[in-house]
């Protein structure tokens, strides 16, 4: 993540913490989220070593740019934003031709009259309650990263639309439409697993 991204001039007022204050913020506000950070990183990478590297990189950047963090605000969301950007940057490096998502199709559906009438599946309920971790991980891994990320942030980490909008740097409307599409994609994959395992829907 670039320094500019962390110090967006209309969002961030640069702090001037002492070294003692930096250490205290890091220990008390950042470190309690290390397990959630690792879980997020692992669900994005599906590789333990890559996840650990991503978390380490995130915490190094968090300390480096700690003056861009306003004490007492949502540290978890701030850290998730750094991790997400680090992952996307690394993902782009590794992938010569990242998968392209037709967001126009998503937006058109979400803005249509049908969107409000359809109920999407929360990852924590319905089909998923019968599933075990490997199947959910496999299904998550099978959907594009942009959709996987919103599922993780919303259904597994419990972030609000507003928080997700800040973490992902996208409008709330896009968060909603992407989550709607992601849940349907995941539901289709999990339904296939359920059928294979003989669960009745």
C-alpha atoms as a PDB file:
ATOM      1  CA  UNK A   1       0.000   0.000   0.000  1.00  0.00           C
ATOM      2  CA  UNK A   2       1.329   3.438  -0.858  1.00  0.00           C
ATOM      3  CA  UNK A   3       1.726   6.149   1.718  1.00  0.00           C
ATOM      4  CA  UNK A   4      -0.793   8.224  -0.235  1.00  0.00           C
ATOM      5  CA  UNK A   5      -3.435   5.513   0.102  1.00  0.00           C
ATOM      6  CA  UNK A   6      -3.040   5.483   3.867  1.00  0.00           C
ATOM      7  CA  UNK A   7      -2.937   9.229   4.160  1.00  0.00           C
ATOM      8  CA  UNK A   8      -5.879  10.223   2.012  1.00  0.00           C
ATOM      9  CA  UNK A   9      -5.957  13.951   2.642  1.00  0.00           C
ATOM     10  CA  UNK A  10      -9.741  14.238   2.981  1.00  0.00           C
ATOM     11  CA  UNK A  11      -9.983  11.236   5.299  1.00  0.00           C
ATOM     12  CA  UNK A  12      -6.906  11.269   7.491  1.00  0.00           C
ATOM     13  CA  UNK A  13      -5.560  13.864   9.872  1.00  0.00           C
ATOM     14  CA  UNK A  14      -1.951  12.969  10.514  1.00  0.00           C
ATOM     15  CA  UNK A  15      -1.246  12.342  14.188  1.00  0.00           C
ATOM     16  CA  UNK A  16       1.999  13.020  15.987  1.00  0.00           C
ATOM     17  CA  UNK A  17       2.381  10.155  18.436  1.00  0.00           C
ATOM     18  CA  UNK A  18       5.380   9.690  20.695  1.00  0.00           C
ATOM     19  CA  UNK A  19       7.293   6.410  20.432  1.00  0.00           C
ATOM     20  CA  UNK A  20       5.638   5.274  23.667  1.00  0.00           C
ATOM     21  CA  UNK A  21       2.180   6.097  22.300  1.00  0.00           C
ATOM     22  CA  UNK A  22       2.930   4.233  19.058  1.00  0.00           C
ATOM     23  CA  UNK A  23       3.921   1.126  20.997  1.00  0.00           C
ATOM     24  CA  UNK A  24       0.830   1.369  23.190  1.00  0.00           C
ATOM     25  CA  UNK A  25      -1.498   1.750  20.193  1.00  0.00           C
ATOM     26  CA  UNK A  26       0.186  -1.127  18.409  1.00  0.00           C
ATOM     27  CA  UNK A  27      -0.062  -3.432  21.432  1.00  0.00           C
ATOM     28  CA  UNK A  28      -3.533  -2.459  22.647  1.00  0.00           C
ATOM     29  CA  UNK A  29      -5.414  -1.565  19.453  1.00  0.00           C
ATOM     30  CA  UNK A  30      -3.695  -3.522  16.685  1.00  0.00           C
ATOM     31  CA  UNK A  31      -2.416  -6.776  18.187  1.00  0.00           C
ATOM     32  CA  UNK A  32      -5.785  -7.993  19.575  1.00  0.00           C
ATOM     33  CA  UNK A  33      -6.913  -8.401  15.950  1.00  0.00           C
ATOM     34  CA  UNK A  34      -4.022 -10.603  14.844  1.00  0.00           C
ATOM     35  CA  UNK A  35      -6.132 -13.806  14.773  1.00  0.00           C
ATOM     36  CA  UNK A  36      -8.862 -12.161  12.694  1.00  0.00           C
ATOM     37  CA  UNK A  37      -6.190 -10.778  10.393  1.00  0.00           C
ATOM     38  CA  UNK A  38      -4.681 -14.222   9.900  1.00  0.00           C
ATOM     39  CA  UNK A  39      -8.109 -15.764   9.236  1.00  0.00           C
ATOM     40  CA  UNK A  40      -8.847 -13.071   6.658  1.00  0.00           C
ATOM     41  CA  UNK A  41      -5.434 -13.530   5.036  1.00  0.00           C
ATOM     42  CA  UNK A  42      -5.817 -17.310   4.921  1.00  0.00           C
ATOM     43  CA  UNK A  43      -9.284 -17.126   3.369  1.00  0.00           C
ATOM     44  CA  UNK A  44      -7.866 -14.839   0.688  1.00  0.00           C
ATOM     45  CA  UNK A  45      -4.726 -16.865  -0.051  1.00  0.00           C
ATOM     46  CA  UNK A  46      -5.601 -20.422   1.053  1.00  0.00           C
ATOM     47  CA  UNK A  47      -1.940 -20.868   1.920  1.00  0.00           C
ATOM     48  CA  UNK A  48      -0.607 -20.767   5.500  1.00  0.00           C
ATOM     49  CA  UNK A  49       2.794 -19.326   4.603  1.00  0.00           C
ATOM     50  CA  UNK A  50       1.311 -16.679   2.303  1.00  0.00           C
ATOM     51  CA  UNK A  51      -1.220 -15.762   4.981  1.00  0.00           C
ATOM     52  CA  UNK A  52       1.491 -15.365   7.614  1.00  0.00           C
ATOM     53  CA  UNK A  53       3.581 -13.236   5.246  1.00  0.00           C
ATOM     54  CA  UNK A  54       0.556 -11.086   4.463  1.00  0.00           C
ATOM     55  CA  UNK A  55      -0.221 -10.528   8.149  1.00  0.00           C
ATOM     56  CA  UNK A  56       3.403  -9.708   8.914  1.00  0.00           C
ATOM     57  CA  UNK A  57       3.532  -7.264   6.010  1.00  0.00           C
ATOM     58  CA  UNK A  58       0.281  -5.686   7.201  1.00  0.00           C
ATOM     59  CA  UNK A  59       1.561  -5.129  10.735  1.00  0.00           C
ATOM     60  CA  UNK A  60       4.848  -3.710   9.472  1.00  0.00           C
ATOM     61  CA  UNK A  61       2.910  -1.216   7.338  1.00  0.00           C
ATOM     62  CA  UNK A  62       0.515  -0.491  10.203  1.00  0.00           C
ATOM     63  CA  UNK A  63       3.427   0.495  12.434  1.00  0.00           C
ATOM     64  CA  UNK A  64       5.135   2.449   9.670  1.00  0.00           C
ATOM     65  CA  UNK A  65       2.006   4.477   8.962  1.00  0.00           C
ATOM     66  CA  UNK A  66       0.677   4.560  12.519  1.00  0.00           C
ATOM     67  CA  UNK A  67       0.483   8.357  12.480  1.00  0.00           C
ATOM     68  CA  UNK A  68      -2.265   7.970   9.868  1.00  0.00           C
ATOM     69  CA  UNK A  69      -4.403   6.066  12.369  1.00  0.00           C
ATOM     70  CA  UNK A  70      -6.664   8.075  14.644  1.00  0.00           C
ATOM     71  CA  UNK A  71      -6.589   6.587  18.123  1.00  0.00           C
ATOM     72  CA  UNK A  72      -9.946   5.280  19.319  1.00  0.00           C
ATOM     73  CA  UNK A  73     -11.362   4.678  15.833  1.00  0.00           C
ATOM     74  CA  UNK A  74     -11.991   1.272  14.264  1.00  0.00           C
ATOM     75  CA  UNK A  75      -8.532  -0.307  14.301  1.00  0.00           C
ATOM     76  CA  UNK A  76      -9.791  -3.593  12.873  1.00  0.00           C
ATOM     77  CA  UNK A  77     -11.277  -1.939   9.791  1.00  0.00           C
ATOM     78  CA  UNK A  78      -8.097   0.117   9.325  1.00  0.00           C
ATOM     79  CA  UNK A  79      -5.923  -3.014   9.501  1.00  0.00           C
ATOM     80  CA  UNK A  80      -8.215  -4.955   7.170  1.00  0.00           C
ATOM     81  CA  UNK A  81      -7.931  -2.168   4.623  1.00  0.00           C
ATOM     82  CA  UNK A  82      -4.133  -2.391   4.692  1.00  0.00           C
ATOM     83  CA  UNK A  83      -4.232  -6.193   4.394  1.00  0.00           C
ATOM     84  CA  UNK A  84      -6.741  -6.084   1.551  1.00  0.00           C
ATOM     85  CA  UNK A  85      -4.620  -3.597  -0.406  1.00  0.00           C
ATOM     86  CA  UNK A  86      -1.463  -5.613   0.216  1.00  0.00           C
ATOM     87  CA  UNK A  87      -3.181  -8.761  -1.003  1.00  0.00           C
ATOM     88  CA  UNK A  88      -4.592  -7.096  -4.119  1.00  0.00           C
ATOM     89  CA  UNK A  89      -1.186  -5.627  -4.986  1.00  0.00           C
ATOM     90  CA  UNK A  90       0.471  -9.025  -4.564  1.00  0.00           C
ATOM     91  CA  UNK A  91      -2.365 -10.745  -6.432  1.00  0.00           C
ATOM     92  CA  UNK A  92      -1.891  -8.381  -9.380  1.00  0.00           C
ATOM     93  CA  UNK A  93       1.832  -9.081  -9.435  1.00  0.00           C
ATOM     94  CA  UNK A  94       1.296 -12.849  -9.502  1.00  0.00           C
ATOM     95  CA  UNK A  95      -1.518 -12.765 -12.025  1.00  0.00           C
ATOM     96  CA  UNK A  96      -0.624 -11.511 -15.491  1.00  0.00           C
ATOM     97  CA  UNK A  97      -4.263 -11.354 -16.499  1.00  0.00           C
ATOM     98  CA  UNK A  98      -6.523 -10.936 -13.446  1.00  0.00           C
ATOM     99  CA  UNK A  99     -10.017 -12.308 -13.869  1.00  0.00           C
ATOM    100  CA  UNK A 100     -12.350  -9.616 -15.129  1.00  0.00           C
ATOM    101  CA  UNK A 101     -15.668  -9.170 -13.413  1.00  0.00           C
ATOM    102  CA  UNK A 102     -18.666  -7.760 -15.227  1.00  0.00           C
ATOM    103  CA  UNK A 103     -19.703  -5.216 -12.612  1.00  0.00           C
ATOM    104  CA  UNK A 104     -22.138  -3.591 -15.039  1.00  0.00           C
ATOM    105  CA  UNK A 105     -24.206  -6.767 -15.002  1.00  0.00           C
ATOM    106  CA  UNK A 106     -24.136  -6.782 -11.205  1.00  0.00           C
ATOM    107  CA  UNK A 107     -25.119  -3.117 -10.934  1.00  0.00           C
ATOM    108  CA  UNK A 108     -27.925  -3.499 -13.455  1.00  0.00           C
ATOM    109  CA  UNK A 109     -29.389  -6.407 -11.538  1.00  0.00           C
ATOM    110  CA  UNK A 110     -29.073  -4.729  -8.173  1.00  0.00           C
ATOM    111  CA  UNK A 111     -30.762  -1.583  -9.440  1.00  0.00           C
ATOM    112  CA  UNK A 112     -33.582  -3.541 -11.063  1.00  0.00           C
ATOM    113  CA  UNK A 113     -36.993  -4.097  -9.489  1.00  0.00           C
ATOM    114  CA  UNK A 114     -36.241  -7.798  -8.954  1.00  0.00           C
ATOM    115  CA  UNK A 115     -33.299  -7.182  -6.652  1.00  0.00           C
ATOM    116  CA  UNK A 116     -35.373  -6.064  -3.678  1.00  0.00           C
ATOM    117  CA  UNK A 117     -37.610  -9.107  -3.873  1.00  0.00           C
ATOM    118  CA  UNK A 118     -34.884 -11.709  -3.817  1.00  0.00           C
ATOM    119  CA  UNK A 119     -33.455 -12.950  -0.542  1.00  0.00           C
ATOM    120  CA  UNK A 120     -29.787 -13.826  -0.568  1.00  0.00           C
ATOM    121  CA  UNK A 121     -28.054 -16.342   1.648  1.00  0.00           C
ATOM    122  CA  UNK A 122     -25.959 -15.285   4.615  1.00  0.00           C
ATOM    123  CA  UNK A 123     -22.900 -17.496   4.918  1.00  0.00           C
ATOM    124  CA  UNK A 124     -23.838 -18.329   8.503  1.00  0.00           C
ATOM    125  CA  UNK A 125     -27.260 -19.832   7.816  1.00  0.00           C
ATOM    126  CA  UNK A 126     -29.317 -22.140   5.616  1.00  0.00           C
ATOM    127  CA  UNK A 127     -27.264 -24.561   3.504  1.00  0.00           C
ATOM    128  CA  UNK A 128     -24.003 -23.627   5.181  1.00  0.00           C
ATOM    129  CA  UNK A 129     -25.004 -24.858   8.622  1.00  0.00           C
ATOM    130  CA  UNK A 130     -24.570 -28.448   7.384  1.00  0.00           C
ATOM    131  CA  UNK A 131     -21.184 -27.839   5.838  1.00  0.00           C
ATOM    132  CA  UNK A 132     -17.729 -28.440   7.209  1.00  0.00           C
ATOM    133  CA  UNK A 133     -14.786 -26.085   6.903  1.00  0.00           C
ATOM    134  CA  UNK A 134     -13.114 -27.669   3.870  1.00  0.00           C
ATOM    135  CA  UNK A 135     -16.255 -27.436   1.764  1.00  0.00           C
ATOM    136  CA  UNK A 136     -16.829 -23.783   2.630  1.00  0.00           C
ATOM    137  CA  UNK A 137     -13.168 -23.023   1.958  1.00  0.00           C
ATOM    138  CA  UNK A 138     -13.356 -24.840  -1.359  1.00  0.00           C
ATOM    139  CA  UNK A 139     -16.480 -22.969  -2.372  1.00  0.00           C
ATOM    140  CA  UNK A 140     -14.997 -19.623  -1.331  1.00  0.00           C
ATOM    141  CA  UNK A 141     -11.831 -20.374  -3.246  1.00  0.00           C
ATOM    142  CA  UNK A 142     -13.936 -21.090  -6.314  1.00  0.00           C
ATOM    143  CA  UNK A 143     -15.370 -17.582  -6.631  1.00  0.00           C
ATOM    144  CA  UNK A 144     -13.453 -14.509  -7.886  1.00  0.00           C
ATOM    145  CA  UNK A 145     -11.389 -12.683  -5.283  1.00  0.00           C
ATOM    146  CA  UNK A 146     -13.443  -9.464  -5.308  1.00  0.00           C
ATOM    147  CA  UNK A 147     -16.581 -11.416  -4.456  1.00  0.00           C
ATOM    148  CA  UNK A 148     -14.777 -13.659  -1.971  1.00  0.00           C
ATOM    149  CA  UNK A 149     -13.521 -10.597  -0.119  1.00  0.00           C
ATOM    150  CA  UNK A 150     -16.978  -9.097   0.462  1.00  0.00           C
ATOM    151  CA  UNK A 151     -18.310 -12.448   1.725  1.00  0.00           C
ATOM    152  CA  UNK A 152     -15.455 -12.697   4.221  1.00  0.00           C
ATOM    153  CA  UNK A 153     -15.813  -9.102   5.416  1.00  0.00           C
ATOM    154  CA  UNK A 154     -19.583  -9.244   5.778  1.00  0.00           C
ATOM    155  CA  UNK A 155     -20.583 -12.767   6.737  1.00  0.00           C
ATOM    156  CA  UNK A 156     -17.473 -13.941   8.549  1.00  0.00           C
ATOM    157  CA  UNK A 157     -16.090 -10.740  10.061  1.00  0.00           C
ATOM    158  CA  UNK A 158     -19.336  -8.832  10.552  1.00  0.00           C
ATOM    159  CA  UNK A 159     -18.312  -5.483   9.077  1.00  0.00           C
ATOM    160  CA  UNK A 160     -21.080  -3.025   8.188  1.00  0.00           C
ATOM    161  CA  UNK A 161     -21.617  -1.803   4.630  1.00  0.00           C
ATOM    162  CA  UNK A 162     -20.068   1.520   5.624  1.00  0.00           C
ATOM    163  CA  UNK A 163     -16.965  -0.160   7.038  1.00  0.00           C
ATOM    164  CA  UNK A 164     -16.660  -2.408   3.994  1.00  0.00           C
ATOM    165  CA  UNK A 165     -16.949   0.607   1.735  1.00  0.00           C
ATOM    166  CA  UNK A 166     -13.936   2.169   3.455  1.00  0.00           C
ATOM    167  CA  UNK A 167     -11.919  -1.062   3.550  1.00  0.00           C
ATOM    168  CA  UNK A 168     -12.507  -1.789  -0.131  1.00  0.00           C
ATOM    169  CA  UNK A 169     -12.502   1.824  -1.371  1.00  0.00           C
ATOM    170  CA  UNK A 170     -15.778   1.358  -3.238  1.00  0.00           C
ATOM    171  CA  UNK A 171     -19.247   2.974  -2.898  1.00  0.00           C
ATOM    172  CA  UNK A 172     -21.791   1.383  -0.558  1.00  0.00           C
ATOM    173  CA  UNK A 173     -24.029   0.568  -3.534  1.00  0.00           C
ATOM    174  CA  UNK A 174     -21.227  -1.443  -5.075  1.00  0.00           C
ATOM    175  CA  UNK A 175     -20.657  -3.224  -1.753  1.00  0.00           C
ATOM    176  CA  UNK A 176     -24.331  -4.240  -1.656  1.00  0.00           C
ATOM    177  CA  UNK A 177     -24.458  -5.443  -5.252  1.00  0.00           C
ATOM    178  CA  UNK A 178     -21.152  -7.302  -5.001  1.00  0.00           C
ATOM    179  CA  UNK A 179     -22.268  -9.028  -1.792  1.00  0.00           C
ATOM    180  CA  UNK A 180     -25.609  -9.998  -3.340  1.00  0.00           C
ATOM    181  CA  UNK A 181     -23.863 -11.576  -6.317  1.00  0.00           C
ATOM    182  CA  UNK A 182     -21.192 -13.210  -4.136  1.00  0.00           C
ATOM    183  CA  UNK A 183     -23.735 -14.861  -1.847  1.00  0.00           C
ATOM    184  CA  UNK A 184     -25.621 -16.274  -4.810  1.00  0.00           C
ATOM    185  CA  UNK A 185     -22.399 -17.603  -6.334  1.00  0.00           C
ATOM    186  CA  UNK A 186     -21.429 -19.194  -3.023  1.00  0.00           C
ATOM    187  CA  UNK A 187     -24.921 -20.596  -2.491  1.00  0.00           C
ATOM    188  CA  UNK A 188     -24.784 -22.319  -5.889  1.00  0.00           C
ATOM    189  CA  UNK A 189     -21.430 -23.903  -5.078  1.00  0.00           C
ATOM    190  CA  UNK A 190     -22.510 -25.035  -1.615  1.00  0.00           C
ATOM    191  CA  UNK A 191     -25.781 -26.406  -2.968  1.00  0.00           C
ATOM    192  CA  UNK A 192     -23.736 -28.595  -5.313  1.00  0.00           C
ATOM    193  CA  UNK A 193     -21.683 -29.857  -2.356  1.00  0.00           C
ATOM    194  CA  UNK A 194     -24.856 -30.510  -0.374  1.00  0.00           C
ATOM    195  CA  UNK A 195     -26.351 -32.513  -3.226  1.00  0.00           C
ATOM    196  CA  UNK A 196     -23.185 -34.596  -3.527  1.00  0.00           C
ATOM    197  CA  UNK A 197     -23.308 -35.326   0.194  1.00  0.00           C
ATOM    198  CA  UNK A 198     -26.995 -36.249   0.113  1.00  0.00           C
ATOM    199  CA  UNK A 199     -28.322 -33.337   2.153  1.00  0.00           C
ATOM    200  CA  UNK A 200     -31.908 -32.372   1.417  1.00  0.00           C
ATOM    201  CA  UNK A 201     -32.463 -28.701   0.728  1.00  0.00           C
END
